[in-house]
Amino acid sequence: MRGIDGPALRRASKESDLFTEPSFSRGVHFKGRHGPFFQASHKRRERYIMRTLALLTSLSCAAVLASVPGSAQISGGSGLQSPSAFASIADPAARSRALFTEAAKVIMNPRCMNCHPASDRPTQGNDMHQHSPPVTRGNNGTGVAGNTCSACHTDRNFTLVERSSYGSIPGHPRWGLAPIEMAWEGKSIGQICLQIKDPNRNGGRNLALLTEHAASDDLIAWGWAPGAGRDPAPGTQELFGQLIKAWIDTGAQCP
């Protein structure tokens, strides 16, 4: 077999260098490990990779949400009565139970229940189907490394394009699951009532703090401003807080 002479070998080596790394601009070739691509700092390449990953994550979140039928997000809501509507109930204990039952229209609404699951996976929609894409609780209720709530949920609701089947991606600075000891899924009104009164299962709150939490917590307030494509919780947060206070004032009796 005829050997390759020195000049031909050098020419072949030079030509192969042209394809060692891709060209990112017209007429510019990155030759081997001596070109601008390898001269860029490690931090600069790392920032580029992270921005690319963030963009891909955002696009995948939007794609998944756009593929979920939006009809599951819409259902008829009901109003919420004020504490005065129960003033005619003479027995304080009976009135207290009636007040909590009314407040439970908010507590057991999908806007609240979806983030109080009994499992490590949240639910979504008015039909409370399993969250899509699949996510898991993690140690603090905000997901696990590489699959956190904040990958798709920002600090505010994000309205999607006009023709997407999902109207918006919900968001809040503290978006995540309630602690497992505060799970409500699958429980009756009476069971949830007993749980809400128990500091070991309500985030360490006494009844006074529970009233304040219901009436003014901004994460609870999200339930009445859940973003496009979702029905809000019934009534208002102010009215909900009044019902909880009236329930406590009448003895915090459970149905």
Protein backbone atom coordinates (compact mmCIF):
# COMPACT_ATOMS: atom_id res chain seq x y z
CA MET A 1 0.00 0.00 0.00
CA ARG A 2 1.33 3.41 -0.92
CA GLY A 3 2.23 5.57 2.09
CA ILE A 4 1.01 9.12 2.68
CA ASP A 5 3.73 11.69 2.34
CA GLY A 6 4.41 14.31 4.99
CA PRO A 7 2.78 17.36 3.31
CA ALA A 8 -0.40 15.37 2.50
CA LEU A 9 -0.65 14.18 6.09
CA ARG A 10 -0.30 17.73 7.39
CA ARG A 11 -3.00 18.96 4.96
CA ALA A 12 -5.38 16.18 6.09
CA SER A 13 -4.71 17.06 9.71
CA LYS A 14 -5.49 20.74 9.08
CA GLU A 15 -8.70 19.94 7.23
CA SER A 16 -9.93 17.60 9.96
CA ASP A 17 -9.40 20.40 12.51
CA LEU A 18 -12.12 22.36 10.79
CA PHE A 19 -14.69 19.85 12.00
CA THR A 20 -13.43 19.37 15.54
CA GLU A 21 -15.86 21.96 16.95
CA PRO A 22 -18.97 23.59 15.38
CA SER A 23 -18.83 27.04 13.85
CA PHE A 24 -21.16 29.53 15.53
CA SER A 25 -20.83 32.37 13.01
CA ARG A 26 -20.54 32.52 9.25
CA GLY A 27 -17.01 32.18 7.98
CA VAL A 28 -15.48 31.43 11.40
CA HIS A 29 -14.05 28.01 12.19
CA PHE A 30 -13.09 26.78 15.67
CA LYS A 31 -9.94 24.78 15.18
CA GLY A 32 -9.36 22.07 17.75
CA ARG A 33 -8.62 23.00 21.34
CA HIS A 34 -6.96 26.26 20.34
CA GLY A 35 -10.12 28.00 19.10
CA PRO A 36 -12.33 30.53 20.89
CA PHE A 37 -14.78 27.84 22.10
CA PHE A 38 -12.16 26.32 24.39
CA GLN A 39 -10.74 29.68 25.33
CA ALA A 40 -14.02 30.73 26.97
CA SER A 41 -13.94 30.63 30.72
CA HIS A 42 -15.55 27.74 32.63
CA LYS A 43 -18.00 30.11 34.32
CA ARG A 44 -19.16 31.54 30.99
CA ARG A 45 -19.85 28.07 29.58
CA GLU A 46 -21.63 27.12 32.80
CA ARG A 47 -23.91 30.18 32.61
CA TYR A 48 -24.76 29.34 29.00
CA ILE A 49 -25.66 25.75 29.93
CA MET A 50 -27.80 26.85 32.89
CA ARG A 51 -29.71 29.38 30.76
CA THR A 52 -30.33 26.69 28.15
CA LEU A 53 -31.59 24.22 30.77
CA ALA A 54 -33.88 26.86 32.30
CA LEU A 55 -35.35 27.64 28.88
CA LEU A 56 -35.92 23.95 28.12
CA THR A 57 -37.59 23.45 31.52
CA SER A 58 -39.94 26.39 30.95
CA LEU A 59 -40.84 25.15 27.48
CA SER A 60 -41.50 21.62 28.75
CA CYS A 61 -43.72 22.94 31.55
CA ALA A 62 -45.76 24.99 29.11
CA ALA A 63 -46.00 22.06 26.69
CA VAL A 64 -47.27 19.68 29.36
CA LEU A 65 -49.81 22.18 30.65
CA ALA A 66 -51.01 22.96 27.16
CA SER A 67 -51.65 19.25 26.58
CA VAL A 68 -53.90 18.87 29.63
CA PRO A 69 -57.58 19.44 28.87
CA GLY A 70 -58.65 22.77 30.28
CA SER A 71 -62.23 21.58 30.90
CA ALA A 72 -61.13 19.93 34.14
CA GLN A 73 -60.34 23.36 35.53
CA ILE A 74 -63.84 24.80 35.22
CA SER A 75 -66.83 24.00 37.39
CA GLY A 76 -69.66 25.85 39.00
CA GLY A 77 -68.92 27.51 42.33
CA SER A 78 -71.20 28.32 45.23
CA GLY A 79 -71.51 31.34 47.47
CA LEU A 80 -70.50 31.64 51.09
CA GLN A 81 -72.89 32.80 53.80
CA SER A 82 -71.87 35.25 56.51
CA PRO A 83 -71.94 34.35 60.23
CA SER A 84 -75.13 36.38 60.65
CA ALA A 85 -76.98 33.82 58.53
CA PHE A 86 -76.64 31.37 61.44
CA ALA A 87 -77.72 33.72 64.21
CA SER A 88 -81.15 32.07 64.40
CA ILE A 89 -79.61 28.81 65.63
CA ALA A 90 -80.18 29.13 69.38
CA ASP A 91 -77.90 26.35 70.58
CA PRO A 92 -74.27 27.64 70.51
CA ALA A 93 -72.82 24.18 69.85
CA ALA A 94 -75.18 23.58 66.94
CA ARG A 95 -74.45 27.05 65.57
CA SER A 96 -70.72 26.39 65.89
CA ARG A 97 -71.01 23.17 63.89
CA ALA A 98 -73.07 24.94 61.24
CA LEU A 99 -70.49 27.73 60.98
CA PHE A 100 -67.65 25.28 60.42
CA THR A 101 -69.67 23.38 57.83
CA GLU A 102 -70.08 26.66 55.95
CA ALA A 103 -66.36 27.48 56.24
CA ALA A 104 -65.60 23.99 54.95
CA LYS A 105 -66.91 25.10 51.54
CA VAL A 106 -63.57 26.90 51.29
CA ILE A 107 -61.43 24.33 53.10
CA MET A 108 -62.68 21.46 50.94
CA ASN A 109 -62.63 23.44 47.71
CA PRO A 110 -60.10 22.16 45.13
CA ARG A 111 -58.17 25.45 45.37
CA CYS A 112 -57.21 24.38 48.91
CA MET A 113 -57.45 20.60 48.78
CA ASN A 114 -55.07 20.22 45.85
CA CYS A 115 -52.15 21.34 48.02
CA HIS A 116 -53.19 19.25 51.04
CA PRO A 117 -52.85 15.74 49.55
CA ALA A 118 -52.63 12.56 51.59
CA SER A 119 -49.84 11.27 49.37
CA ASP A 120 -46.53 12.78 48.29
CA ARG A 121 -48.01 13.93 45.00
CA PRO A 122 -50.31 16.97 44.66
CA THR A 123 -53.57 16.98 42.75
CA GLN A 124 -54.83 19.62 40.34
CA GLY A 125 -58.00 20.82 38.67
CA ASN A 126 -61.53 20.88 39.98
CA ASP A 127 -61.67 17.11 39.57
CA MET A 128 -58.49 16.81 41.67
CA HIS A 129 -56.64 14.55 39.24
CA GLN A 130 -52.99 13.68 39.80
CA HIS A 131 -50.55 16.50 39.06
CA SER A 132 -49.09 16.49 35.56
CA PRO A 133 -46.15 16.45 35.04
CA PRO A 134 -45.42 13.98 37.86
CA VAL A 135 -43.87 15.64 40.92
CA THR A 136 -43.18 14.51 44.46
CA ARG A 137 -43.31 16.24 47.83
CA GLY A 138 -39.66 16.20 48.86
CA ASN A 139 -38.41 17.05 52.33
CA ASN A 140 -40.02 20.48 52.64
CA GLY A 141 -42.99 20.22 50.28
CA THR A 142 -41.32 22.01 47.38
CA GLY A 143 -40.19 19.03 45.33
CA VAL A 144 -36.87 17.27 44.90
CA ALA A 145 -33.60 18.20 43.22
CA GLY A 146 -34.12 18.48 39.48
CA ASN A 147 -37.91 18.53 39.85
CA THR A 148 -38.88 21.39 42.15
CA CYS A 149 -42.16 23.30 42.30
CA SER A 150 -40.35 26.51 41.38
CA ALA A 151 -39.20 25.01 38.07
CA CYS A 152 -42.69 25.77 36.71
CA HIS A 153 -44.41 27.81 39.44
CA THR A 154 -43.01 31.31 39.87
CA ASP A 155 -43.89 33.90 42.52
CA ARG A 156 -47.10 34.87 40.71
CA ASN A 157 -49.69 33.44 38.33
CA PHE A 158 -48.42 33.23 34.76
CA THR A 159 -51.00 33.59 31.98
CA LEU A 160 -50.33 31.38 28.98
CA VAL A 161 -50.88 32.13 25.31
CA GLU A 162 -54.45 32.77 24.26
CA ARG A 163 -55.15 29.43 22.58
CA SER A 164 -53.57 27.10 25.17
CA SER A 165 -55.95 24.66 26.83
CA TYR A 166 -54.66 25.76 30.23
CA GLY A 167 -55.31 29.41 31.03
CA SER A 168 -52.39 29.93 33.39
CA ILE A 169 -49.72 28.41 35.62
CA PRO A 170 -50.48 29.22 39.27
CA GLY A 171 -47.78 30.83 41.36
CA HIS A 172 -46.86 32.31 44.74
CA PRO A 173 -43.53 32.95 46.53
CA ARG A 174 -44.32 30.10 48.96
CA TRP A 175 -45.81 27.68 46.44
CA GLY A 176 -45.62 24.07 47.60
CA LEU A 177 -47.43 21.32 49.46
CA ALA A 178 -48.74 21.63 53.00
CA PRO A 179 -46.88 19.39 55.48
CA ILE A 180 -48.09 15.80 55.44
CA GLU A 181 -49.55 16.16 58.94
CA MET A 182 -51.87 18.81 57.47
CA ALA A 183 -53.19 16.48 54.75
CA TRP A 184 -56.95 16.79 54.18
CA GLU A 185 -57.47 14.61 51.15
CA GLY A 186 -59.96 11.80 51.73
CA LYS A 187 -61.15 13.09 55.11
CA SER A 188 -64.63 14.10 56.23
CA ILE A 189 -65.59 17.59 57.39
CA GLY A 190 -65.55 16.39 61.00
CA GLN A 191 -62.09 14.85 60.67
CA ILE A 192 -60.67 18.00 59.09
CA CYS A 193 -62.29 20.11 61.84
CA LEU A 194 -60.59 18.08 64.57
CA GLN A 195 -57.30 18.26 62.69
CA ILE A 196 -57.46 22.03 62.24
CA LYS A 197 -57.87 22.52 65.99
CA ASP A 198 -54.86 20.31 66.81
CA PRO A 199 -51.58 22.31 67.02
CA ASN A 200 -49.70 19.10 66.20
CA ARG A 201 -51.51 18.92 62.87
CA ASN A 202 -52.17 22.56 61.98
CA GLY A 203 -48.68 24.04 61.89
CA GLY A 204 -48.44 24.71 65.63
CA ARG A 205 -51.26 27.27 65.76
CA ASN A 206 -53.58 27.93 68.67
CA LEU A 207 -57.12 29.08 67.91
CA ALA A 208 -56.18 32.77 67.88
CA LEU A 209 -53.38 32.16 65.38
CA LEU A 210 -55.71 29.97 63.38
CA THR A 211 -58.14 32.88 63.00
CA GLU A 212 -55.34 35.19 61.87
CA HIS A 213 -54.05 32.57 59.44
CA ALA A 214 -57.45 32.12 57.82
CA ALA A 215 -58.20 35.83 57.56
CA SER A 216 -54.88 37.26 56.40
CA ASP A 217 -52.39 34.69 55.10
CA ASP A 218 -51.48 35.68 51.53
CA LEU A 219 -51.02 32.10 50.38
CA ILE A 220 -54.61 31.32 51.41
CA ALA A 221 -55.62 34.51 49.57
CA TRP A 222 -54.41 32.90 46.33
CA GLY A 223 -57.53 30.68 46.47
CA TRP A 224 -59.64 33.71 45.50
CA ALA A 225 -57.26 34.84 42.74
CA PRO A 226 -56.09 31.56 41.21
CA GLY A 227 -55.38 32.83 37.71
CA ALA A 228 -57.05 32.43 34.36
CA GLY A 229 -58.86 29.15 33.77
CA ARG A 230 -59.64 28.37 37.42
CA ASP A 231 -62.71 28.99 39.53
CA PRO A 232 -61.89 30.84 42.75
CA ALA A 233 -62.87 29.53 46.17
CA PRO A 234 -66.38 30.61 47.22
CA GLY A 235 -66.93 33.95 48.95
CA THR A 236 -63.93 36.05 50.00
CA GLN A 237 -61.02 35.59 52.37
CA GLU A 238 -62.51 38.23 54.66
CA LEU A 239 -65.77 36.31 54.90
CA PHE A 240 -63.91 33.04 55.42
CA GLY A 241 -61.98 34.62 58.29
CA GLN A 242 -65.21 35.84 59.85
CA LEU A 243 -66.70 32.34 59.73
CA ILE A 244 -63.64 30.80 61.36
CA LYS A 245 -63.69 33.44 64.11
CA ALA A 246 -67.43 32.94 64.72
CA TRP A 247 -66.88 29.18 64.83
CA ILE A 248 -64.16 29.62 67.46
CA ASP A 249 -66.22 32.13 69.43
CA THR A 250 -69.07 29.61 69.68
CA GLY A 251 -66.84 26.88 71.07
CA ALA A 252 -65.09 25.52 67.97
CA GLN A 253 -67.42 22.52 67.83
CA CYS A 254 -66.95 19.96 65.06
CA PRO A 255 -69.68 18.47 62.85
